Amino acid sequence: MRKAVELGYFKGIQIGEPGIVVSHLQYADDTLFIGETCVENLWCMKAILRWFELISGLKVKFHKSKLYGINLE
């Protein structure tokens, strides 16, 4: 995820003045992707999760995943 942000594929949100960018939070067995509202971020999230499946051999249950928009028009 860090590499995707560094390369500009995923746009996280900036917090505060020093320019701290938050793109994801992980705890226990959950991951939250946090970013700007754009189609590129959706494609990047799906690609990252797909690569995770291929590399680890584990399955991501997309039907159990949720996508929420906060403060959107």
Protein backbone atom coordinates (compact mmCIF):
# COMPACT_ATOMS: atom_id res chain seq x y z
CA MET A 1 0.00 0.00 0.00
CA ARG A 2 2.83 2.39 0.84
CA LYS A 3 4.39 1.76 -2.57
CA ALA A 4 1.06 2.45 -4.32
CA VAL A 5 0.84 5.81 -2.49
CA GLU A 6 4.49 6.65 -3.24
CA LEU A 7 3.97 5.89 -6.94
CA GLY A 8 0.77 7.94 -7.04
CA TYR A 9 -1.60 5.05 -7.78
CA PHE A 10 -3.55 5.58 -4.56
CA LYS A 11 -4.35 9.01 -3.12
CA GLY A 12 -4.67 8.97 0.66
CA ILE A 13 -5.92 11.88 2.75
CA GLN A 14 -3.65 14.55 4.21
CA ILE A 15 -3.94 15.24 7.92
CA GLY A 16 -2.63 18.42 9.49
CA GLU A 17 -0.11 20.94 8.26
CA PRO A 18 3.09 18.83 8.12
CA GLY A 19 1.57 16.79 5.30
CA ILE A 20 1.03 13.43 6.98
CA VAL A 21 -0.79 11.23 4.48
CA VAL A 22 -3.01 8.40 5.76
CA SER A 23 -3.92 5.72 3.25
CA HIS A 24 -4.81 2.71 5.38
CA LEU A 25 -5.31 1.47 8.92
CA GLN A 26 -4.88 -2.15 10.00
CA TYR A 27 -5.98 -3.87 13.18
CA ALA A 28 -6.61 -7.51 14.07
CA ASP A 29 -7.88 -9.03 10.84
CA ASP A 30 -9.38 -5.86 9.34
CA THR A 31 -7.97 -3.26 6.98
CA LEU A 32 -9.42 0.18 6.27
CA PHE A 33 -8.40 1.92 3.05
CA ILE A 34 -8.73 5.68 3.45
CA GLY A 35 -8.45 7.94 0.45
CA GLU A 36 -9.86 10.48 -1.91
CA THR A 37 -13.02 9.76 -3.85
CA CYS A 38 -11.90 8.74 -7.33
CA VAL A 39 -12.15 5.77 -9.66
CA GLU A 40 -8.37 5.33 -9.64
CA ASN A 41 -8.45 4.58 -5.90
CA LEU A 42 -11.14 1.92 -6.43
CA TRP A 43 -9.11 0.20 -9.13
CA CYS A 44 -5.97 0.37 -6.99
CA MET A 45 -7.74 -1.15 -3.96
CA LYS A 46 -9.09 -4.00 -6.04
CA ALA A 47 -5.69 -4.64 -7.63
CA ILE A 48 -3.93 -4.68 -4.26
CA LEU A 49 -6.47 -7.11 -2.82
CA ARG A 50 -6.22 -9.33 -5.90
CA TRP A 51 -2.42 -9.42 -5.67
CA PHE A 52 -2.76 -10.28 -1.97
CA GLU A 53 -4.91 -13.26 -2.96
CA LEU A 54 -2.43 -14.45 -5.57
CA ILE A 55 0.65 -14.05 -3.39
CA SER A 56 -0.74 -15.42 -0.11
CA GLY A 57 -3.11 -18.08 -1.42
CA LEU A 58 -5.83 -16.66 0.86
CA LYS A 59 -9.19 -15.46 -0.44
CA VAL A 60 -10.65 -11.98 -0.05
CA LYS A 61 -14.41 -12.23 0.40
CA PHE A 62 -15.50 -9.27 -1.72
CA HIS A 63 -19.17 -10.00 -1.00
CA LYS A 64 -18.45 -9.41 2.71
CA SER A 65 -16.44 -6.25 2.08
CA LYS A 66 -18.03 -2.83 2.49
CA LEU A 67 -17.43 0.44 0.70
CA TYR A 68 -18.59 3.63 2.40
CA GLY A 69 -18.46 7.19 1.18
CA ILE A 70 -18.29 9.83 3.87
CA ASN A 71 -19.04 13.51 3.28
CA LEU A 72 -19.79 13.00 -0.43
CA GLU A 73 -22.24 14.78 -2.70
